[in-house]
Amino acid sequence: MTDSEKLDLLLNKVTSMEGKMTSMEGKMTSMEGDIASMKGDIASTKGEMTSMKGEITAVKNEMTSMKSKISSLEYRVTDIQLTLDNETNKGIKIIAEGHLDLSRKLNDVLRVESEKEMALLRLTVLENEVRRLRDKIEQPA
């Protein structure tokens, strides 16, 4: 092989390598674009994560507030239950017992009134009989 052939072969290989290098440069540029796009996506994701952390913190604060309010409500319900059990229900029982006594007294009064009415009826009957007997006695026989 002559020097000229060797140079031609070397030139062909260098040209082939140059084409491959150009192709690799294109691919590297494309990869750099993809990496830049990925960096943008990652930055966007970081921003969204920061926003979500803020929202989660707000939800935690609201939950703490709700727990406090629920605890307060539990205390109030317990207080109301104790009031019902210890005061209101006992008061209702006392009033009911008083009404029961009133009912008994009313029944006694009604019984006495009934007896009084019966006595008045008997008195009326007796007065009528006395009147009839007096009329018989006063009539000339």
C-alpha atoms as a PDB file:
ATOM      1  CA  MET A   1       0.000   0.000   0.000  1.00  0.00           C
ATOM      2  CA  THR A   2       1.280   3.309  -0.972  1.00  0.00           C
ATOM      3  CA  ASP A   3       1.479   6.378   1.103  1.00  0.00           C
ATOM      4  CA  SER A   4      -1.254   7.982  -0.906  1.00  0.00           C
ATOM      5  CA  GLU A   5      -3.571   5.038  -0.335  1.00  0.00           C
ATOM      6  CA  LYS A   6      -2.748   5.096   3.323  1.00  0.00           C
ATOM      7  CA  LEU A   7      -3.546   8.779   3.477  1.00  0.00           C
ATOM      8  CA  ASP A   8      -6.806   8.215   1.644  1.00  0.00           C
ATOM      9  CA  LEU A   9      -7.746   5.443   4.021  1.00  0.00           C
ATOM     10  CA  LEU A  10      -6.791   7.595   6.968  1.00  0.00           C
ATOM     11  CA  LEU A  11      -8.788  10.487   5.505  1.00  0.00           C
ATOM     12  CA  ASN A  12     -11.836   8.251   5.057  1.00  0.00           C
ATOM     13  CA  LYS A  13     -11.581   7.063   8.643  1.00  0.00           C
ATOM     14  CA  VAL A  14     -11.128  10.603   9.954  1.00  0.00           C
ATOM     15  CA  THR A  15     -14.111  11.735   7.852  1.00  0.00           C
ATOM     16  CA  SER A  16     -16.154   8.819   9.189  1.00  0.00           C
ATOM     17  CA  MET A  17     -15.081   9.702  12.715  1.00  0.00           C
ATOM     18  CA  GLU A  18     -15.929  13.340  12.074  1.00  0.00           C
ATOM     19  CA  GLY A  19     -19.452  12.323  10.988  1.00  0.00           C
ATOM     20  CA  LYS A  20     -19.815  10.184  14.040  1.00  0.00           C
ATOM     21  CA  MET A  21     -18.558  13.050  16.219  1.00  0.00           C
ATOM     22  CA  THR A  22     -21.068  15.426  14.598  1.00  0.00           C
ATOM     23  CA  SER A  23     -23.812  12.891  15.233  1.00  0.00           C
ATOM     24  CA  MET A  24     -22.665  12.529  18.832  1.00  0.00           C
ATOM     25  CA  GLU A  25     -22.623  16.331  19.218  1.00  0.00           C
ATOM     26  CA  GLY A  26     -26.224  16.441  17.980  1.00  0.00           C
ATOM     27  CA  LYS A  27     -27.220  13.743  20.396  1.00  0.00           C
ATOM     28  CA  MET A  28     -25.401  15.534  23.233  1.00  0.00           C
ATOM     29  CA  THR A  29     -27.218  18.765  22.380  1.00  0.00           C
ATOM     30  CA  SER A  30     -30.508  16.884  22.384  1.00  0.00           C
ATOM     31  CA  MET A  31     -29.596  15.325  25.736  1.00  0.00           C
ATOM     32  CA  GLU A  32     -28.695  18.758  27.121  1.00  0.00           C
ATOM     33  CA  GLY A  33     -32.149  19.976  26.073  1.00  0.00           C
ATOM     34  CA  ASP A  34     -33.784  16.974  27.710  1.00  0.00           C
ATOM     35  CA  ILE A  35     -31.764  17.554  30.895  1.00  0.00           C
ATOM     36  CA  ALA A  36     -32.775  21.238  30.930  1.00  0.00           C
ATOM     37  CA  SER A  37     -36.407  20.200  30.490  1.00  0.00           C
ATOM     38  CA  MET A  38     -36.055  17.692  33.327  1.00  0.00           C
ATOM     39  CA  LYS A  39     -34.513  20.396  35.538  1.00  0.00           C
ATOM     40  CA  GLY A  40     -37.565  22.591  34.817  1.00  0.00           C
ATOM     41  CA  ASP A  41     -39.910  19.723  35.648  1.00  0.00           C
ATOM     42  CA  ILE A  42     -38.039  19.034  38.891  1.00  0.00           C
ATOM     43  CA  ALA A  43     -38.167  22.730  39.837  1.00  0.00           C
ATOM     44  CA  SER A  44     -41.919  22.747  39.135  1.00  0.00           C
ATOM     45  CA  THR A  45     -42.368  19.599  41.219  1.00  0.00           C
ATOM     46  CA  LYS A  46     -40.392  21.197  44.066  1.00  0.00           C
ATOM     47  CA  GLY A  47     -42.694  24.219  43.924  1.00  0.00           C
ATOM     48  CA  GLU A  48     -45.771  22.008  44.025  1.00  0.00           C
ATOM     49  CA  MET A  49     -44.298  20.057  46.963  1.00  0.00           C
ATOM     50  CA  THR A  50     -43.663  23.311  48.844  1.00  0.00           C
ATOM     51  CA  SER A  51     -47.249  24.364  48.179  1.00  0.00           C
ATOM     52  CA  MET A  52     -48.514  20.997  49.399  1.00  0.00           C
ATOM     53  CA  LYS A  53     -46.409  21.301  52.571  1.00  0.00           C
ATOM     54  CA  GLY A  54     -48.071  24.651  53.244  1.00  0.00           C
ATOM     55  CA  GLU A  55     -51.526  23.178  52.699  1.00  0.00           C
ATOM     56  CA  ILE A  56     -50.730  20.204  54.947  1.00  0.00           C
ATOM     57  CA  THR A  57     -49.562  22.593  57.674  1.00  0.00           C
ATOM     58  CA  ALA A  58     -52.841  24.532  57.341  1.00  0.00           C
ATOM     59  CA  VAL A  59     -54.833  21.286  57.593  1.00  0.00           C
ATOM     60  CA  LYS A  60     -52.835  20.273  60.691  1.00  0.00           C
ATOM     61  CA  ASN A  61     -53.627  23.637  62.298  1.00  0.00           C
ATOM     62  CA  GLU A  62     -57.322  23.233  61.491  1.00  0.00           C
ATOM     63  CA  MET A  63     -57.301  19.708  62.945  1.00  0.00           C
ATOM     64  CA  THR A  64     -55.715  21.005  66.137  1.00  0.00           C
ATOM     65  CA  SER A  65     -58.399  23.673  66.360  1.00  0.00           C
ATOM     66  CA  MET A  66     -61.128  21.081  65.740  1.00  0.00           C
ATOM     67  CA  LYS A  67     -59.680  18.787  68.424  1.00  0.00           C
ATOM     68  CA  SER A  68     -59.803  21.667  70.890  1.00  0.00           C
ATOM     69  CA  LYS A  69     -63.407  22.464  69.967  1.00  0.00           C
ATOM     70  CA  ILE A  70     -64.414  18.777  70.220  1.00  0.00           C
ATOM     71  CA  SER A  71     -62.802  18.563  73.643  1.00  0.00           C
ATOM     72  CA  SER A  72     -64.768  21.637  74.721  1.00  0.00           C
ATOM     73  CA  LEU A  73     -67.986  20.126  73.353  1.00  0.00           C
ATOM     74  CA  GLU A  74     -67.338  16.859  75.190  1.00  0.00           C
ATOM     75  CA  TYR A  75     -66.953  18.814  78.430  1.00  0.00           C
ATOM     76  CA  ARG A  76     -70.179  20.729  77.794  1.00  0.00           C
ATOM     77  CA  VAL A  77     -72.133  17.567  76.925  1.00  0.00           C
ATOM     78  CA  THR A  78     -70.870  15.881  80.096  1.00  0.00           C
ATOM     79  CA  ASP A  79     -71.875  18.962  82.099  1.00  0.00           C
ATOM     80  CA  ILE A  80     -75.345  18.965  80.528  1.00  0.00           C
ATOM     81  CA  GLN A  81     -75.735  15.231  81.206  1.00  0.00           C
ATOM     82  CA  LEU A  82     -74.772  15.701  84.840  1.00  0.00           C
ATOM     83  CA  THR A  83     -77.194  18.606  85.149  1.00  0.00           C
ATOM     84  CA  LEU A  84     -79.978  16.481  83.679  1.00  0.00           C
ATOM     85  CA  ASP A  85     -79.200  13.549  85.933  1.00  0.00           C
ATOM     86  CA  ASN A  86     -78.588  15.473  89.152  1.00  0.00           C
ATOM     87  CA  GLU A  87     -80.923  18.450  88.921  1.00  0.00           C
ATOM     88  CA  THR A  88     -83.547  18.323  86.218  1.00  0.00           C
ATOM     89  CA  ASN A  89     -84.593  14.695  86.597  1.00  0.00           C
ATOM     90  CA  LYS A  90     -84.738  15.022  90.383  1.00  0.00           C
ATOM     91  CA  GLY A  91     -86.771  18.208  90.048  1.00  0.00           C
ATOM     92  CA  ILE A  92     -89.211  16.478  87.707  1.00  0.00           C
ATOM     93  CA  LYS A  93     -89.563  13.590  90.174  1.00  0.00           C
ATOM     94  CA  ILE A  94     -90.243  16.007  93.035  1.00  0.00           C
ATOM     95  CA  ILE A  95     -92.853  17.874  90.983  1.00  0.00           C
ATOM     96  CA  ALA A  96     -94.431  14.590  89.878  1.00  0.00           C
ATOM     97  CA  GLU A  97     -94.626  13.399  93.471  1.00  0.00           C
ATOM     98  CA  GLY A  98     -96.264  16.706  94.411  1.00  0.00           C
ATOM     99  CA  HIS A  99     -98.799  16.270  91.640  1.00  0.00           C
ATOM    100  CA  LEU A 100     -99.454  12.728  92.784  1.00  0.00           C
ATOM    101  CA  ASP A 101    -100.269  14.064  96.241  1.00  0.00           C
ATOM    102  CA  LEU A 102    -102.509  16.702  94.647  1.00  0.00           C
ATOM    103  CA  SER A 103    -104.232  13.989  92.656  1.00  0.00           C
ATOM    104  CA  ARG A 104    -104.801  11.962  95.819  1.00  0.00           C
ATOM    105  CA  LYS A 105    -106.096  15.040  97.622  1.00  0.00           C
ATOM    106  CA  LEU A 106    -108.369  15.796  94.668  1.00  0.00           C
ATOM    107  CA  ASN A 107    -109.707  12.242  94.765  1.00  0.00           C
ATOM    108  CA  ASP A 108    -110.341  12.646  98.513  1.00  0.00           C
ATOM    109  CA  VAL A 109    -112.125  15.954  97.912  1.00  0.00           C
ATOM    110  CA  LEU A 110    -114.167  14.465  95.073  1.00  0.00           C
ATOM    111  CA  ARG A 111    -115.095  11.509  97.288  1.00  0.00           C
ATOM    112  CA  VAL A 112    -116.192  13.905 100.032  1.00  0.00           C
ATOM    113  CA  GLU A 113    -118.144  15.962  97.475  1.00  0.00           C
ATOM    114  CA  SER A 114    -119.766  12.792  96.216  1.00  0.00           C
ATOM    115  CA  GLU A 115    -120.739  11.822  99.747  1.00  0.00           C
ATOM    116  CA  LYS A 116    -122.042  15.372 100.297  1.00  0.00           C
ATOM    117  CA  GLU A 117    -124.167  15.127  97.154  1.00  0.00           C
ATOM    118  CA  MET A 118    -125.515  11.770  98.281  1.00  0.00           C
ATOM    119  CA  ALA A 119    -126.340  13.278 101.694  1.00  0.00           C
ATOM    120  CA  LEU A 120    -128.131  16.187  99.995  1.00  0.00           C
ATOM    121  CA  LEU A 121    -130.131  13.750  97.870  1.00  0.00           C
ATOM    122  CA  ARG A 122    -131.089  11.750 100.982  1.00  0.00           C
ATOM    123  CA  LEU A 123    -132.014  14.981 102.759  1.00  0.00           C
ATOM    124  CA  THR A 124    -134.213  16.010  99.853  1.00  0.00           C
ATOM    125  CA  VAL A 125    -135.915  12.597  99.857  1.00  0.00           C
ATOM    126  CA  LEU A 126    -136.429  12.778 103.629  1.00  0.00           C
ATOM    127  CA  GLU A 127    -137.798  16.325 103.402  1.00  0.00           C
ATOM    128  CA  ASN A 128    -140.271  15.148 100.780  1.00  0.00           C
ATOM    129  CA  GLU A 129    -141.331  12.233 102.971  1.00  0.00           C
ATOM    130  CA  VAL A 130    -141.705  14.554 105.982  1.00  0.00           C
ATOM    131  CA  ARG A 131    -143.802  16.919 103.874  1.00  0.00           C
ATOM    132  CA  ARG A 132    -146.020  14.055 102.707  1.00  0.00           C
ATOM    133  CA  LEU A 133    -146.401  12.754 106.235  1.00  0.00           C
ATOM    134  CA  ARG A 134    -147.226  16.247 107.509  1.00  0.00           C
ATOM    135  CA  ASP A 135    -149.770  16.654 104.710  1.00  0.00           C
ATOM    136  CA  LYS A 136    -151.351  13.322 105.713  1.00  0.00           C
ATOM    137  CA  ILE A 137    -151.495  14.337 109.322  1.00  0.00           C
ATOM    138  CA  GLU A 138    -152.951  17.741 108.569  1.00  0.00           C
ATOM    139  CA  GLN A 139    -155.640  16.311 106.298  1.00  0.00           C
ATOM    140  CA  PRO A 140    -158.932  15.733 107.922  1.00  0.00           C
ATOM    141  CA  ALA A 141    -159.549  12.110 108.235  1.00  0.00           C
END
